[in-house]
Amino acid sequence: MTEPSTSPASTAATPSPPSTAVPRRSWGQTLRVYAEPASLRMLALGFSAGLPLLLVLGTLSFWLRKAGIDRSTIGYMSWVGLAYAFKWVWSPLVDRLPLPVLNGWLGRRRSWLLLAQMLVVGGLLGMAFTDPQQDLNRMVWCALAVAFGSATQDIALDAYRIESADAERQAALAATYQTGYRLAMIWAGAGALWLVAAALHGEQAAYVHAAWQLAYGVMAASMLVGVFTVLLSPEPAARALTPARNLGEWLREALVAPFADFVRRYGGQAILILALIGIYRISDVVMGIMANPFYVDMGYSEAEVATVSKVFGVIMTLLGAFIGGVISMRIGVMRVLMLGAVLSAASNLLFAWLSTRGHDVAGLTLVVSADNLAGGIASAAFIAYLSSLTNVQYSATQYALFSSMMMLAPKWLAGFSGAFVDAHGYSSFFISTAALGLPVLLLVALASRVTLRTKA
């Protein structure tokens, strides 16, 4: 998810904590970074990375609820997203294994990106031509294919980003990546719902599969943004890989060395860092699974949800990502990480308030806008923080470890969200998800004292 070629931070004899070691630059220099080719490239690739996520989680949950699937089943189906949490298992292959034929044409990073994108396209088409009322099992398998392809794309894209840009641009590139990512999520969420509403011609039909078939077909075609960007982008300078003498040596280099490197650099502090990574987005992830079923149960139509998300959601998400990237460069990533944690938890309380309002489009607009603003700020800072922890020698595997840790506990817990709502109601659910963010504040405060080390 980033680009430059050097590791995110260098280790001096007496380095300063990440929150204070911030190079001062003019506002002009800061803003010009966003117009550089590398930033624009990450905008398009971020779109390709962000598109599949909601299509196997949030938008899919709206579709399933409209199709009459119960909330508990929808919650358990969110475990499809655990593919993202376990991508570190195959990340060493993506990091080090050249693909036959494609590697000679595109290079190691771009060939894996293209292969992953093709898997996503195939899975989305499979979902489009599956009616969950008739064959829920097939829908699960197609969603798994999309999630696996998407997770593989993330691995390759994280390495591509980190290896093709310098350390000073990490926060800005994270912001442009997040902008593309969030635009794609809005297109996959609001855009898909708008397409369904358009196919229904404004009628309040309970469920029409053909409308969802159209929407998911268009989403599959939208992945061409990423495909063309991969084909037209330069391959980062190839990192020389020492040939392994035997399988055991290859496994040690591919699987053990990246994790040993991280532990060696941070020692006992590695547990603190991993704990922060593991729960930083827990409030958003756990709440997000039930957001679309909540809209359906509160009587909001596809058009209403799409309009609110498309207009106000887009503006506030872009603003949040931009603010997060800019102020991270100005005041430091850790301070913005704390701000993002506070805002993310607080925005869930707004959903609890909204659950008491009934069908209130103005209230929905306020809550979605605030939630997207908070998410944009938090995500831009968090991606920059994760990038700063990697050693470029093991960029794909280490970043996959970090981003997998980010998803594991939240996705597992989110699987029980439907059962929780059935037992306690939406208001209690949203308040509980806000409370989940409180330990994050303590971990950010402690992690801000840890010195970044890119080399052992």
Protein backbone atom coordinates (compact mmCIF):
# COMPACT_ATOMS: atom_id res chain seq x y z
CA MET A 1 0.00 0.00 0.00
CA THR A 2 2.80 2.46 -0.32
CA GLU A 3 5.48 3.04 -2.91
CA PRO A 4 8.99 4.28 -2.14
CA SER A 5 12.13 2.21 -2.15
CA THR A 6 13.64 2.83 1.25
CA SER A 7 12.42 1.55 4.56
CA PRO A 8 10.12 3.86 6.51
CA ALA A 9 12.45 5.11 9.17
CA SER A 10 16.13 4.93 9.87
CA THR A 11 17.72 4.05 13.18
CA ALA A 12 20.11 6.62 14.58
CA ALA A 13 22.32 6.27 17.63
CA THR A 14 19.73 7.98 19.78
CA PRO A 15 16.55 8.08 17.71
CA SER A 16 13.48 9.99 18.77
CA PRO A 17 10.02 8.49 19.18
CA PRO A 18 7.94 8.50 16.01
CA SER A 19 5.62 11.16 17.34
CA THR A 20 8.40 13.78 17.54
CA ALA A 21 10.79 12.83 14.72
CA VAL A 22 8.86 14.74 12.04
CA PRO A 23 10.73 16.60 9.28
CA ARG A 24 9.45 20.14 8.88
CA ARG A 25 8.41 21.08 5.36
CA SER A 26 6.47 23.91 3.78
CA TRP A 27 2.79 23.55 3.00
CA GLY A 28 3.62 23.77 -0.70
CA GLN A 29 6.07 20.88 -0.47
CA THR A 30 3.57 18.89 1.53
CA LEU A 31 0.72 19.34 -0.94
CA ARG A 32 2.80 18.78 -4.11
CA VAL A 33 3.41 15.19 -3.08
CA TYR A 34 -0.22 14.40 -3.88
CA ALA A 35 0.22 15.32 -7.56
CA GLU A 36 3.26 13.11 -8.16
CA PRO A 37 2.86 10.08 -10.49
CA ALA A 38 3.50 7.68 -7.63
CA SER A 39 0.61 9.17 -5.65
CA LEU A 40 -1.77 9.07 -8.62
CA ARG A 41 -0.79 5.48 -9.30
CA MET A 42 -1.62 4.53 -5.73
CA LEU A 43 -4.98 6.26 -6.10
CA ALA A 44 -5.96 3.83 -8.87
CA LEU A 45 -4.42 0.78 -7.20
CA GLY A 46 -6.11 1.73 -3.94
CA PHE A 47 -9.41 1.68 -5.81
CA SER A 48 -8.69 -1.86 -7.03
CA ALA A 49 -7.79 -2.95 -3.50
CA GLY A 50 -10.82 -1.39 -1.84
CA LEU A 51 -13.47 -2.62 -4.27
CA PRO A 52 -13.77 -6.30 -3.19
CA LEU A 53 -13.94 -5.78 0.58
CA LEU A 54 -17.50 -4.51 0.91
CA LEU A 55 -18.72 -6.81 -1.84
CA VAL A 56 -18.03 -9.81 0.40
CA LEU A 57 -18.94 -8.03 3.65
CA GLY A 58 -21.11 -4.90 3.94
CA THR A 59 -22.87 -4.82 0.56
CA LEU A 60 -23.27 -8.58 0.64
CA SER A 61 -24.88 -8.33 4.08
CA PHE A 62 -27.41 -5.80 2.69
CA TRP A 63 -28.14 -8.17 -0.21
CA LEU A 64 -28.54 -11.16 2.09
CA ARG A 65 -30.85 -9.29 4.46
CA LYS A 66 -33.04 -8.15 1.55
CA ALA A 67 -33.13 -11.78 0.42
CA GLY A 68 -34.52 -12.75 3.81
CA ILE A 69 -31.37 -14.36 5.27
CA ASP A 70 -31.40 -14.12 9.09
CA ARG A 71 -28.97 -11.84 10.96
CA SER A 72 -27.12 -14.66 12.73
CA THR A 73 -26.30 -16.31 9.41
CA ILE A 74 -25.18 -12.97 7.98
CA GLY A 75 -22.88 -12.50 10.97
CA TYR A 76 -21.32 -15.93 10.57
CA MET A 77 -20.88 -15.38 6.83
CA SER A 78 -18.69 -12.40 7.67
CA TRP A 79 -16.02 -14.96 8.58
CA VAL A 80 -15.33 -15.06 4.85
CA GLY A 81 -13.32 -11.94 5.67
CA LEU A 82 -10.93 -14.02 7.77
CA ALA A 83 -9.10 -14.68 4.50
CA TYR A 84 -7.60 -11.23 5.05
CA ALA A 85 -6.51 -12.21 8.55
CA PHE A 86 -4.63 -15.30 7.39
CA LYS A 87 -2.96 -13.88 4.30
CA TRP A 88 0.40 -13.99 6.07
CA VAL A 89 0.28 -17.77 5.52
CA TRP A 90 0.83 -17.44 1.77
CA SER A 91 2.48 -14.01 1.77
CA PRO A 92 6.01 -15.54 1.60
CA LEU A 93 5.05 -17.12 -1.73
CA VAL A 94 3.81 -13.80 -3.07
CA ASP A 95 6.93 -12.11 -1.71
CA ARG A 96 9.48 -14.48 -3.22
CA LEU A 97 7.97 -16.85 -5.81
CA PRO A 98 8.13 -15.73 -9.47
CA LEU A 99 5.06 -16.73 -11.46
CA PRO A 100 5.74 -18.70 -14.65
CA VAL A 101 5.33 -16.68 -17.86
CA LEU A 102 3.83 -13.62 -16.12
CA ASN A 103 7.04 -12.88 -14.20
CA GLY A 104 9.05 -12.46 -17.39
CA TRP A 105 6.42 -10.12 -18.81
CA LEU A 106 5.44 -8.01 -15.83
CA GLY A 107 7.92 -8.70 -13.02
CA ARG A 108 7.26 -10.35 -9.67
CA ARG A 109 5.09 -7.67 -8.05
CA ARG A 110 2.88 -6.83 -11.02
CA SER A 111 2.39 -10.46 -12.07
CA TRP A 112 1.00 -11.36 -8.66
CA LEU A 113 -1.20 -8.25 -8.74
CA LEU A 114 -2.67 -9.23 -12.11
CA LEU A 115 -3.29 -12.84 -11.09
CA ALA A 116 -5.06 -11.74 -7.89
CA GLN A 117 -7.22 -9.24 -9.77
CA MET A 118 -8.35 -11.91 -12.22
CA LEU A 119 -9.42 -14.13 -9.32
CA VAL A 120 -11.45 -11.27 -7.85
CA VAL A 121 -13.17 -10.65 -11.19
CA GLY A 122 -14.06 -14.33 -11.55
CA GLY A 123 -15.41 -14.55 -8.02
CA LEU A 124 -17.56 -11.44 -8.42
CA LEU A 125 -19.07 -12.78 -11.61
CA GLY A 126 -19.83 -16.03 -9.79
CA MET A 127 -21.61 -14.08 -7.04
CA ALA A 128 -23.55 -12.08 -9.63
CA PHE A 129 -25.02 -15.22 -11.14
CA THR A 130 -25.90 -16.82 -7.78
CA ASP A 131 -29.18 -16.22 -5.96
CA PRO A 132 -28.62 -16.61 -2.20
CA GLN A 133 -32.24 -17.67 -1.74
CA GLN A 134 -31.59 -20.64 -4.02
CA ASP A 135 -27.94 -21.57 -3.39
CA LEU A 136 -26.37 -19.95 -0.33
CA ASN A 137 -23.46 -22.43 -0.31
CA ARG A 138 -22.38 -21.43 -3.80
CA MET A 139 -22.52 -17.80 -2.75
CA VAL A 140 -20.18 -18.57 0.15
CA TRP A 141 -17.64 -20.27 -2.13
CA CYS A 142 -17.68 -17.41 -4.65
CA ALA A 143 -17.28 -14.89 -1.84
CA LEU A 144 -14.32 -16.90 -0.52
CA ALA A 145 -12.70 -16.74 -3.97
CA VAL A 146 -13.12 -12.96 -4.01
CA ALA A 147 -11.73 -12.63 -0.49
CA PHE A 148 -8.72 -14.85 -1.26
CA GLY A 149 -7.95 -12.96 -4.47
CA SER A 150 -8.40 -9.63 -2.70
CA ALA A 151 -6.12 -10.64 0.17
CA THR A 152 -3.46 -11.79 -2.31
CA GLN A 153 -3.76 -8.48 -4.16
CA ASP A 154 -3.22 -6.68 -0.85
CA ILE A 155 -0.01 -8.62 -0.20
CA ALA A 156 1.46 -7.83 -3.59
CA LEU A 157 0.26 -4.23 -3.53
CA ASP A 158 1.69 -3.54 -0.07
CA ALA A 159 5.09 -4.76 -1.27
CA TYR A 160 4.79 -2.81 -4.52
CA ARG A 161 4.02 0.39 -2.63
CA ILE A 162 6.72 0.01 0.00
CA GLU A 163 9.41 -0.84 -2.57
CA SER A 164 8.70 2.02 -4.96
CA ALA A 165 8.74 5.18 -2.85
CA ASP A 166 10.92 6.90 -0.26
CA ALA A 167 10.29 7.09 3.47
CA GLU A 168 9.23 10.75 3.56
CA ARG A 169 6.27 10.07 1.31
CA GLN A 170 4.80 7.19 3.28
CA ALA A 171 2.06 9.25 4.94
CA ALA A 172 1.07 11.04 1.72
CA LEU A 173 1.05 7.84 -0.29
CA ALA A 174 -0.97 6.17 2.44
CA ALA A 175 -3.48 9.02 2.12
CA THR A 176 -3.76 8.72 -1.68
CA TYR A 177 -4.02 4.96 -1.40
CA GLN A 178 -6.74 5.41 1.21
CA THR A 179 -8.54 7.90 -1.01
CA GLY A 180 -8.70 5.36 -3.82
CA TYR A 181 -9.55 2.60 -1.37
CA ARG A 182 -12.39 4.58 0.19
CA LEU A 183 -13.72 5.71 -3.18
CA ALA A 184 -13.89 2.05 -4.18
CA MET A 185 -15.62 1.12 -0.93
CA ILE A 186 -18.19 3.83 -1.54
CA TRP A 187 -18.67 2.62 -5.11
CA ALA A 188 -18.93 -0.99 -3.90
CA GLY A 189 -21.36 0.11 -1.17
CA ALA A 190 -23.35 3.13 -2.26
CA GLY A 191 -22.73 2.55 -5.96
CA ALA A 192 -23.94 -1.04 -5.85
CA LEU A 193 -27.07 -0.02 -3.96
CA TRP A 194 -27.73 2.80 -6.42
CA LEU A 195 -27.44 0.32 -9.31
CA VAL A 196 -29.93 -1.98 -7.58
CA ALA A 197 -32.32 0.92 -7.01
CA ALA A 198 -31.98 2.01 -10.65
CA ALA A 199 -32.70 -1.53 -11.84
CA LEU A 200 -35.86 -1.55 -9.72
CA HIS A 201 -36.96 1.78 -11.31
CA GLY A 202 -37.73 3.26 -7.93
CA GLU A 203 -40.12 0.49 -6.94
CA GLN A 204 -40.01 -0.70 -3.33
CA ALA A 205 -39.68 -4.35 -4.28
CA ALA A 206 -38.67 -6.57 -1.38
CA TYR A 207 -36.14 -8.55 -3.39
CA VAL A 208 -35.29 -8.95 -7.08
CA HIS A 209 -32.22 -11.05 -7.88
CA ALA A 210 -31.76 -9.58 -11.37
CA ALA A 211 -31.08 -6.16 -9.85
CA TRP A 212 -28.26 -7.54 -7.70
CA GLN A 213 -26.92 -9.53 -10.65
CA LEU A 214 -26.55 -6.28 -12.59
CA ALA A 215 -24.85 -4.52 -9.68
CA TYR A 216 -22.26 -7.24 -9.09
CA GLY A 217 -21.58 -7.56 -12.82
CA VAL A 218 -20.76 -3.85 -12.94
CA MET A 219 -18.53 -4.26 -9.88
CA ALA A 220 -16.58 -7.03 -11.64
CA ALA A 221 -16.06 -4.70 -14.63
CA SER A 222 -14.89 -1.94 -12.28
CA MET A 223 -11.85 -4.04 -11.37
CA LEU A 224 -10.47 -3.10 -14.80
CA VAL A 225 -9.27 0.16 -13.21
CA GLY A 226 -6.69 -1.85 -11.28
CA VAL A 227 -5.92 -4.22 -14.15
CA PHE A 228 -5.01 -1.40 -16.55
CA THR A 229 -3.02 0.40 -13.86
CA VAL A 230 -0.94 -2.73 -13.25
CA LEU A 231 -0.31 -3.16 -16.98
CA LEU A 232 0.75 0.48 -17.41
CA SER A 233 2.77 0.91 -14.19
CA PRO A 234 6.52 0.39 -13.83
CA GLU A 235 7.82 -2.59 -11.90
CA PRO A 236 9.87 -1.56 -8.84
CA ALA A 237 13.59 -2.25 -8.97
CA ALA A 238 13.97 -5.98 -8.47
CA ARG A 239 15.32 -6.94 -5.06
CA ALA A 240 18.05 -9.52 -5.36
CA LEU A 241 17.09 -12.79 -3.71
CA THR A 242 19.81 -15.13 -2.53
CA PRO A 243 19.11 -18.53 -4.10
CA ALA A 244 18.29 -21.19 -1.51
CA ARG A 245 20.39 -24.37 -1.51
CA ASN A 246 17.48 -26.58 -0.37
CA LEU A 247 13.80 -26.47 0.62
CA GLY A 248 14.57 -26.07 4.33
CA GLU A 249 16.72 -23.02 3.68
CA TRP A 250 14.05 -21.51 1.44
CA LEU A 251 11.40 -22.02 4.11
CA ARG A 252 13.60 -20.42 6.75
CA GLU A 253 14.27 -17.42 4.54
CA ALA A 254 10.67 -17.05 3.36
CA LEU A 255 8.74 -17.89 6.53
CA VAL A 256 10.93 -17.57 9.59
CA ALA A 257 13.34 -14.75 8.74
CA PRO A 258 10.73 -11.96 8.26
CA PHE A 259 9.10 -12.67 11.63
CA ALA A 260 12.44 -13.18 13.39
CA ASP A 261 13.62 -9.86 11.98
CA PHE A 262 10.67 -8.00 13.49
CA VAL A 263 11.09 -9.62 16.91
CA ARG A 264 14.84 -9.01 16.82
CA ARG A 265 14.32 -5.31 16.08
CA TYR A 266 11.71 -4.69 18.76
CA GLY A 267 12.31 -7.39 21.37
CA GLY A 268 9.69 -7.35 24.13
CA GLN A 269 8.08 -4.26 22.61
CA ALA A 270 6.99 -6.39 19.63
CA ILE A 271 4.10 -7.74 21.71
CA LEU A 272 2.87 -4.23 22.47
CA ILE A 273 3.05 -3.25 18.81
CA LEU A 274 1.25 -6.40 17.66
CA ALA A 275 -1.44 -5.88 20.31
CA LEU A 276 -2.08 -2.36 19.02
CA ILE A 277 -2.21 -3.60 15.44
CA GLY A 278 -4.54 -6.41 16.45
CA ILE A 279 -7.27 -4.23 17.95
CA TYR A 280 -6.82 -0.73 16.49
CA ARG A 281 -9.78 -1.02 14.09
CA ILE A 282 -11.89 -3.35 16.25
CA SER A 283 -14.71 -0.84 16.82
CA ASP A 284 -15.20 -0.18 13.12
CA VAL A 285 -14.85 -3.78 11.94
CA VAL A 286 -17.23 -5.34 14.47
CA MET A 287 -19.83 -2.63 13.98
CA GLY A 288 -19.53 -2.61 10.20
CA ILE A 289 -20.95 -6.10 9.67
CA MET A 290 -24.35 -5.08 11.06
CA ALA A 291 -24.49 -1.60 9.53
CA ASN A 292 -26.30 -2.61 6.34
CA PRO A 293 -28.72 -5.04 8.01
CA PHE A 294 -29.42 -2.12 10.40
CA TYR A 295 -30.30 0.14 7.45
CA VAL A 296 -32.63 -2.52 6.03
CA ASP A 297 -34.34 -3.13 9.37
CA MET A 298 -34.78 0.62 9.95
CA GLY A 299 -36.62 0.91 6.64
CA TYR A 300 -34.01 2.78 4.57
CA SER A 301 -34.24 2.01 0.86
CA GLU A 302 -31.30 1.18 -1.41
CA ALA A 303 -31.59 4.63 -2.98
CA GLU A 304 -31.55 6.43 0.38
CA VAL A 305 -28.52 4.57 1.68
CA ALA A 306 -26.74 4.99 -1.65
CA THR A 307 -27.45 8.71 -1.86
CA VAL A 308 -26.28 9.43 1.67
CA SER A 309 -23.13 7.33 1.30
CA LYS A 310 -22.37 8.54 -2.22
CA VAL A 311 -22.67 12.27 -1.53
CA PHE A 312 -21.88 12.95 2.11
CA GLY A 313 -19.88 9.78 2.65
CA VAL A 314 -17.54 10.50 -0.28
CA ILE A 315 -16.90 14.08 0.79
CA MET A 316 -16.19 13.22 4.41
CA THR A 317 -14.06 10.17 3.62
CA LEU A 318 -11.87 12.08 1.18
CA LEU A 319 -11.60 14.91 3.67
CA GLY A 320 -10.67 12.50 6.44
CA ALA A 321 -8.01 10.72 4.37
CA PHE A 322 -6.56 14.04 3.24
CA ILE A 323 -6.52 15.46 6.77
CA GLY A 324 -4.99 12.27 8.15
CA GLY A 325 -2.18 12.26 5.60
CA VAL A 326 -1.39 15.97 5.90
CA ILE A 327 -1.40 16.26 9.68
CA SER A 328 0.56 13.00 9.99
CA MET A 329 3.38 14.67 8.10
CA ARG A 330 2.99 17.87 10.12
CA ILE A 331 2.60 16.61 13.69
CA GLY A 332 3.52 12.93 13.56
CA VAL A 333 1.76 9.65 12.88
CA MET A 334 1.27 8.63 16.51
CA ARG A 335 -0.68 11.75 17.45
CA VAL A 336 -3.02 11.23 14.51
CA LEU A 337 -3.27 7.54 15.40
CA MET A 338 -4.62 8.57 18.81
CA LEU A 339 -7.05 11.04 17.26
CA GLY A 340 -8.31 8.38 14.88
CA ALA A 341 -8.86 5.90 17.71
CA VAL A 342 -10.95 8.41 19.67
CA LEU A 343 -13.06 9.43 16.69
CA SER A 344 -13.66 5.86 15.51
CA ALA A 345 -15.05 4.75 18.87
CA ALA A 346 -17.12 7.93 19.30
CA SER A 347 -18.74 7.60 15.87
CA ASN A 348 -20.25 4.24 16.91
CA LEU A 349 -22.16 6.03 19.67
CA LEU A 350 -23.82 8.08 16.96
CA PHE A 351 -25.20 4.87 15.47
CA ALA A 352 -26.68 4.02 18.88
CA TRP A 353 -28.40 7.42 18.82
CA LEU A 354 -29.61 6.81 15.26
CA SER A 355 -31.19 3.49 16.31
CA THR A 356 -33.62 5.48 18.48
CA ARG A 357 -34.70 7.78 15.65
CA GLY A 358 -36.59 5.40 13.38
CA HIS A 359 -36.51 6.27 9.68
CA ASP A 360 -34.49 9.52 9.81
CA VAL A 361 -32.60 10.34 6.61
CA ALA A 362 -31.12 13.56 8.07
CA GLY A 363 -29.83 11.61 11.06
CA LEU A 364 -28.41 8.95 8.75
CA THR A 365 -26.57 11.63 6.79
CA LEU A 366 -25.02 13.08 9.95
CA VAL A 367 -23.93 9.69 11.30
CA VAL A 368 -22.50 8.35 8.03
CA SER A 369 -20.62 11.60 7.45
CA ALA A 370 -19.05 11.58 10.91
CA ASP A 371 -18.21 7.89 10.69
CA ASN A 372 -16.49 8.26 7.32
CA LEU A 373 -14.53 11.31 8.44
CA ALA A 374 -13.23 9.39 11.46
CA GLY A 375 -12.44 6.31 9.35
CA GLY A 376 -10.48 8.34 6.81
CA ILE A 377 -8.31 10.00 9.44
CA ALA A 378 -7.67 6.76 11.33
CA SER A 379 -6.88 4.70 8.26
CA ALA A 380 -4.40 7.15 6.72
CA ALA A 381 -2.41 7.30 9.97
CA PHE A 382 -2.64 3.56 10.60
CA ILE A 383 -1.34 2.57 7.17
CA ALA A 384 1.58 4.99 7.55
CA TYR A 385 2.31 3.46 10.96
CA LEU A 386 2.24 -0.09 9.62
CA SER A 387 4.52 0.89 6.75
CA SER A 388 7.00 2.41 9.18
CA LEU A 389 7.37 -0.94 10.97
CA THR A 390 8.51 -2.93 7.94
CA ASN A 391 12.01 -3.84 6.86
CA VAL A 392 12.12 -3.43 3.06
CA GLN A 393 13.99 -6.73 2.81
CA TYR A 394 10.80 -8.51 3.90
CA SER A 395 8.23 -5.90 2.91
CA ALA A 396 5.44 -8.15 1.61
CA THR A 397 5.60 -10.76 4.37
CA GLN A 398 5.94 -8.31 7.25
CA TYR A 399 3.20 -6.00 6.02
CA ALA A 400 0.95 -9.00 5.47
CA LEU A 401 1.63 -10.01 9.08
CA PHE A 402 0.67 -6.58 10.35
CA SER A 403 -2.47 -6.17 8.23
CA SER A 404 -3.51 -9.75 9.04
CA MET A 405 -3.15 -9.08 12.74
CA MET A 406 -5.36 -6.04 12.22
CA MET A 407 -8.20 -8.23 10.94
CA LEU A 408 -7.97 -11.47 12.92
CA ALA A 409 -9.61 -10.65 16.29
CA PRO A 410 -12.09 -8.08 14.90
CA LYS A 411 -13.31 -10.38 12.11
CA TRP A 412 -13.67 -13.34 14.44
CA LEU A 413 -15.63 -11.26 16.95
CA ALA A 414 -17.75 -9.72 14.19
CA GLY A 415 -19.07 -13.16 13.30
CA PHE A 416 -21.17 -13.09 16.48
CA SER A 417 -22.57 -9.62 15.80
CA GLY A 418 -25.85 -10.86 14.34
CA ALA A 419 -26.51 -13.12 17.32
CA PHE A 420 -25.72 -10.21 19.67
CA VAL A 421 -28.19 -7.92 17.89
CA ASP A 422 -30.87 -10.62 18.01
CA ALA A 423 -30.36 -10.96 21.76
CA HIS A 424 -29.81 -7.32 22.85
CA GLY A 425 -30.88 -4.99 20.04
CA TYR A 426 -29.04 -2.49 17.87
CA SER A 427 -28.57 0.27 20.46
CA SER A 428 -26.75 -1.98 22.94
CA PHE A 429 -24.70 -3.44 20.10
CA PHE A 430 -23.42 -0.04 18.91
CA ILE A 431 -22.59 1.10 22.46
CA SER A 432 -20.69 -2.14 23.05
CA THR A 433 -18.64 -1.69 19.88
CA ALA A 434 -17.70 1.82 21.00
CA ALA A 435 -16.50 0.42 24.32
CA LEU A 436 -14.28 -2.03 22.45
CA GLY A 437 -12.20 0.97 21.35
CA LEU A 438 -11.22 2.06 24.86
CA PRO A 439 -8.20 -0.29 25.27
CA VAL A 440 -6.90 1.03 21.95
CA LEU A 441 -6.27 4.45 23.51
CA LEU A 442 -3.98 2.96 26.14
CA LEU A 443 -2.06 0.92 23.58
CA VAL A 444 -1.51 3.94 21.32
CA ALA A 445 -0.18 5.92 24.29
CA LEU A 446 2.25 3.13 25.16
CA ALA A 447 3.30 2.49 21.55
CA SER A 448 4.11 6.18 21.05
CA ARG A 449 7.08 5.63 23.37
CA VAL A 450 8.53 2.88 21.16
CA THR A 451 11.37 3.91 18.84
CA LEU A 452 10.97 2.77 15.25
CA ARG A 453 13.76 0.45 14.10
CA THR A 454 14.02 -0.53 10.44
CA LYS A 455 17.18 -2.54 11.04
CA ALA A 456 18.15 -4.93 13.79
